[in-house]
C-alpha atoms as a PDB file:
ATOM      1  CA  MET A   1     135.210 127.835   0.274  1.00  0.00           C
ATOM      2  CA  GLN A   2     136.184 126.746   3.744  1.00  0.00           C
ATOM      3  CA  ASN A   3     138.149 123.316   3.663  1.00  0.00           C
ATOM      4  CA  ASN A   4     136.482 120.958   6.126  1.00  0.00           C
ATOM      5  CA  SER A   5     138.687 117.997   5.548  1.00  0.00           C
ATOM      6  CA  HIS A   6     140.262 118.280   8.927  1.00  0.00           C
ATOM      7  CA  ALA A   7     136.948 117.745  10.789  1.00  0.00           C
ATOM      8  CA  ALA A   8     136.480 114.506   9.355  1.00  0.00           C
ATOM      9  CA  ARG A   9     139.949 113.215   9.170  1.00  0.00           C
ATOM     10  CA  ILE A  10     140.144 109.604  10.355  1.00  0.00           C
ATOM     11  CA  THR A  11     143.272 108.084  11.025  1.00  0.00           C
ATOM     12  CA  LEU A  12     144.332 104.303  11.129  1.00  0.00           C
ATOM     13  CA  TYR A  13     144.699 104.334  14.920  1.00  0.00           C
ATOM     14  CA  ASP A  14     141.299 105.646  15.791  1.00  0.00           C
ATOM     15  CA  GLY A  15     139.765 101.966  16.053  1.00  0.00           C
ATOM     16  CA  LEU A  16     142.715 100.839  17.848  1.00  0.00           C
ATOM     17  CA  ARG A  17     142.394 103.057  20.830  1.00  0.00           C
ATOM     18  CA  ASP A  18     140.539 100.741  22.916  1.00  0.00           C
ATOM     19  CA  ARG A  19     142.525  97.436  21.904  1.00  0.00           C
ATOM     20  CA  PRO A  20     144.900  96.019  24.573  1.00  0.00           C
ATOM     21  CA  VAL A  21     148.588  96.726  23.867  1.00  0.00           C
ATOM     22  CA  LYS A  22     149.235  93.017  23.080  1.00  0.00           C
ATOM     23  CA  PRO A  23     146.328  91.253  21.378  1.00  0.00           C
ATOM     24  CA  ALA A  24     145.805  87.774  22.755  1.00  0.00           C
ATOM     25  CA  ALA A  25     145.868  86.103  19.151  1.00  0.00           C
ATOM     26  CA  LEU A  26     149.521  87.726  18.889  1.00  0.00           C
ATOM     27  CA  SER A  27     150.684  86.416  22.391  1.00  0.00           C
ATOM     28  CA  LEU A  28     149.394  83.060  21.526  1.00  0.00           C
ATOM     29  CA  ARG A  29     151.160  82.878  17.908  1.00  0.00           C
ATOM     30  CA  ASN A  30     154.502  84.245  19.688  1.00  0.00           C
ATOM     31  CA  SER A  31     154.101  81.544  22.424  1.00  0.00           C
ATOM     32  CA  ALA A  32     153.659  78.877  19.824  1.00  0.00           C
ATOM     33  CA  THR A  33     157.186  79.857  18.293  1.00  0.00           C
ATOM     34  CA  ALA A  34     159.206  81.006  21.046  1.00  0.00           C
ATOM     35  CA  ASP A  35     162.015  79.087  22.423  1.00  0.00           C
ATOM     36  CA  PRO A  36     161.988  79.487  26.273  1.00  0.00           C
ATOM     37  CA  GLY A  37     165.513  80.184  26.403  1.00  0.00           C
ATOM     38  CA  ASP A  38     165.354  82.917  23.492  1.00  0.00           C
ATOM     39  CA  VAL A  39     166.707  86.301  24.653  1.00  0.00           C
ATOM     40  CA  GLY A  40     165.652  88.094  21.464  1.00  0.00           C
ATOM     41  CA  GLY A  41     162.639  89.950  23.335  1.00  0.00           C
ATOM     42  CA  ARG A  42     160.414  86.704  23.616  1.00  0.00           C
ATOM     43  CA  GLN A  43     161.007  86.350  27.429  1.00  0.00           C
ATOM     44  CA  GLU A  44     157.427  87.622  28.620  1.00  0.00           C
ATOM     45  CA  ASP A  45     156.011  84.697  26.546  1.00  0.00           C
ATOM     46  CA  ALA A  46     158.569  82.174  28.047  1.00  0.00           C
ATOM     47  CA  ALA A  47     157.250  83.575  31.509  1.00  0.00           C
ATOM     48  CA  ALA A  48     153.378  82.900  30.615  1.00  0.00           C
ATOM     49  CA  ASP A  49     153.832  79.538  29.689  1.00  0.00           C
ATOM     50  CA  PRO A  50     156.203  78.193  32.439  1.00  0.00           C
ATOM     51  CA  ASP A  51     155.615  74.454  31.963  1.00  0.00           C
ATOM     52  CA  GLY A  52     156.170  74.468  28.236  1.00  0.00           C
ATOM     53  CA  LYS A  53     152.615  73.343  27.338  1.00  0.00           C
ATOM     54  CA  ALA A  54     152.892  75.136  24.031  1.00  0.00           C
ATOM     55  CA  ALA A  55     156.185  73.477  23.017  1.00  0.00           C
ATOM     56  CA  ALA A  56     154.811  70.301  24.128  1.00  0.00           C
ATOM     57  CA  LEU A  57     152.008  70.811  21.794  1.00  0.00           C
ATOM     58  CA  ARG A  58     153.916  71.777  19.163  1.00  0.00           C
ATOM     59  CA  ALA A  59     155.765  68.264  19.208  1.00  0.00           C
ATOM     60  CA  VAL A  60     152.549  66.472  19.394  1.00  0.00           C
ATOM     61  CA  LEU A  61     151.134  68.472  16.357  1.00  0.00           C
ATOM     62  CA  MET A  62     154.291  67.503  14.628  1.00  0.00           C
ATOM     63  CA  GLU A  63     154.338  63.780  15.466  1.00  0.00           C
ATOM     64  CA  ARG A  64     150.681  63.643  14.210  1.00  0.00           C
ATOM     65  CA  ARG A  65     151.992  65.478  10.834  1.00  0.00           C
ATOM     66  CA  ARG A  66     154.758  62.602  10.325  1.00  0.00           C
ATOM     67  CA  PRO A  67     152.799  60.363   8.019  1.00  0.00           C
ATOM     68  CA  LEU A  68     152.507  63.600   5.923  1.00  0.00           C
ATOM     69  CA  ILE A  69     155.910  64.505   6.011  1.00  0.00           C
ATOM     70  CA  GLU A  70     156.798  61.055   5.109  1.00  0.00           C
ATOM     71  CA  ALA A  71     154.443  61.077   2.072  1.00  0.00           C
ATOM     72  CA  ALA A  72     155.814  64.330   0.691  1.00  0.00           C
ATOM     73  CA  LEU A  73     159.573  62.927   1.135  1.00  0.00           C
ATOM     74  CA  GLU A  74     158.377  59.915  -0.882  1.00  0.00           C
ATOM     75  CA  ALA A  75     156.725  61.967  -3.575  1.00  0.00           C
ATOM     76  CA  ILE A  76     160.069  64.143  -3.763  1.00  0.00           C
ATOM     77  CA  ARG A  77     162.347  60.870  -3.863  1.00  0.00           C
ATOM     78  CA  PRO A  78     162.105  59.998  -7.441  1.00  0.00           C
ATOM     79  CA  ASN A  79     163.425  63.436  -8.468  1.00  0.00           C
ATOM     80  CA  LEU A  80     166.457  63.258  -6.324  1.00  0.00           C
ATOM     81  CA  ARG A  81     167.182  59.942  -7.159  1.00  0.00           C
ATOM     82  CA  ARG A  82     166.676  60.628 -10.777  1.00  0.00           C
ATOM     83  CA  ASP A  83     170.124  63.268 -10.237  1.00  0.00           C
ATOM     84  CA  GLY A  84     171.815  60.562  -8.032  1.00  0.00           C
ATOM     85  CA  GLY A  85     170.926  62.083  -4.626  1.00  0.00           C
ATOM     86  CA  ASP A  86     168.299  61.238  -1.751  1.00  0.00           C
ATOM     87  CA  CYS A  87     166.767  62.749   1.311  1.00  0.00           C
ATOM     88  CA  GLU A  88     165.553  60.801   4.242  1.00  0.00           C
ATOM     89  CA  LEU A  89     163.968  61.771   7.400  1.00  0.00           C
ATOM     90  CA  VAL A  90     166.039  61.593  10.397  1.00  0.00           C
ATOM     91  CA  GLU A  91     163.913  63.011  13.219  1.00  0.00           C
ATOM     92  CA  ILE A  92     161.213  65.629  14.148  1.00  0.00           C
ATOM     93  CA  VAL A  93     161.939  67.893  16.915  1.00  0.00           C
ATOM     94  CA  GLY A  94     159.220  70.161  17.891  1.00  0.00           C
ATOM     95  CA  ASP A  95     158.661  72.361  14.494  1.00  0.00           C
ATOM     96  CA  ALA A  96     162.127  71.089  13.295  1.00  0.00           C
ATOM     97  CA  VAL A  97     162.403  68.496  10.660  1.00  0.00           C
ATOM     98  CA  ARG A  98     165.816  66.877  10.126  1.00  0.00           C
ATOM     99  CA  VAL A  99     166.675  65.474   7.079  1.00  0.00           C
ATOM    100  CA  LYS A 100     170.091  63.806   5.721  1.00  0.00           C
ATOM    101  CA  LEU A 101     170.831  64.281   1.978  1.00  0.00           C
ATOM    102  CA  SER A 102     173.096  61.669   0.428  1.00  0.00           C
ATOM    103  CA  GLY A 103     174.338  60.527  -2.808  1.00  0.00           C
ATOM    104  CA  ALA A 104     174.987  63.237  -5.217  1.00  0.00           C
ATOM    105  CA  CYS A 105     173.398  65.874  -3.038  1.00  0.00           C
ATOM    106  CA  VAL A 106     176.258  65.782  -0.538  1.00  0.00           C
ATOM    107  CA  GLY A 107     178.583  68.719  -1.829  1.00  0.00           C
ATOM    108  CA  CYS A 108     176.298  69.497  -4.691  1.00  0.00           C
ATOM    109  CA  GLN A 109     176.500  73.502  -5.250  1.00  0.00           C
ATOM    110  CA  LEU A 110     172.528  73.184  -5.440  1.00  0.00           C
ATOM    111  CA  ALA A 111     171.901  71.397  -2.224  1.00  0.00           C
ATOM    112  CA  SER A 112     170.406  74.762  -0.468  1.00  0.00           C
ATOM    113  CA  LEU A 113     167.876  75.117  -3.434  1.00  0.00           C
ATOM    114  CA  THR A 114     167.008  71.314  -3.221  1.00  0.00           C
ATOM    115  CA  LEU A 115     166.675  72.021   0.654  1.00  0.00           C
ATOM    116  CA  SER A 116     164.306  75.044  -0.075  1.00  0.00           C
ATOM    117  CA  GLY A 117     162.352  72.901  -2.662  1.00  0.00           C
ATOM    118  CA  VAL A 118     161.668  70.357   0.018  1.00  0.00           C
ATOM    119  CA  ARG A 119     161.043  72.723   2.756  1.00  0.00           C
ATOM    120  CA  GLN A 120     158.166  74.274   0.609  1.00  0.00           C
ATOM    121  CA  LYS A 121     156.651  70.814  -0.172  1.00  0.00           C
ATOM    122  CA  LEU A 122     156.604  70.153   3.736  1.00  0.00           C
ATOM    123  CA  ILE A 123     154.860  73.275   4.225  1.00  0.00           C
ATOM    124  CA  GLU A 124     152.344  72.521   1.553  1.00  0.00           C
ATOM    125  CA  ALA A 125     151.966  68.985   2.962  1.00  0.00           C
ATOM    126  CA  THR A 126     151.749  69.853   6.680  1.00  0.00           C
ATOM    127  CA  GLY A 127     150.308  73.319   6.573  1.00  0.00           C
ATOM    128  CA  MET A 128     152.947  74.831   9.030  1.00  0.00           C
ATOM    129  CA  PRO A 129     154.493  77.641   7.730  1.00  0.00           C
ATOM    130  CA  THR A 130     156.663  78.040  10.744  1.00  0.00           C
ATOM    131  CA  LEU A 131     158.204  74.637   9.584  1.00  0.00           C
ATOM    132  CA  ARG A 132     162.130  74.494   9.920  1.00  0.00           C
ATOM    133  CA  LEU A 133     164.276  72.266   7.707  1.00  0.00           C
ATOM    134  CA  ILE A 134     167.511  71.132   9.103  1.00  0.00           C
ATOM    135  CA  PRO A 135     170.035  69.067   7.016  1.00  0.00           C
ATOM    136  CA  ILE A 136     172.053  66.784   8.656  1.00  0.00           C
ATOM    137  CA  ASN A 137     175.407  65.751   7.246  1.00  0.00           C
END
């Protein structure tokens, strides 16, 4: 009995032959998250958007989500206050949300865990998985 499986073998890459090297969706996603001064291999995206329209669009989207961010922080605040701490919104810059921890949260060993939980709640509230949470002292 002859093995004909070699003739009918289909590889993962067979369907990708006619696709462009860099799909349009990938380039849009990278330009939306790229920092124009980034040297980490994303300079071609910065060259494709010389006016910084993507960064300006992200800033506008984050400002529109400010009420959602404030509401999420208000929902978290009672739990933080119960332990003697607090978290307040300082500013929104691009896709970065800067918050200030105060009270017992300052110097607490679990502050990083608290910040990761706050970030997760903000991601759930805004629907932006690229959201960065930056603590300010």
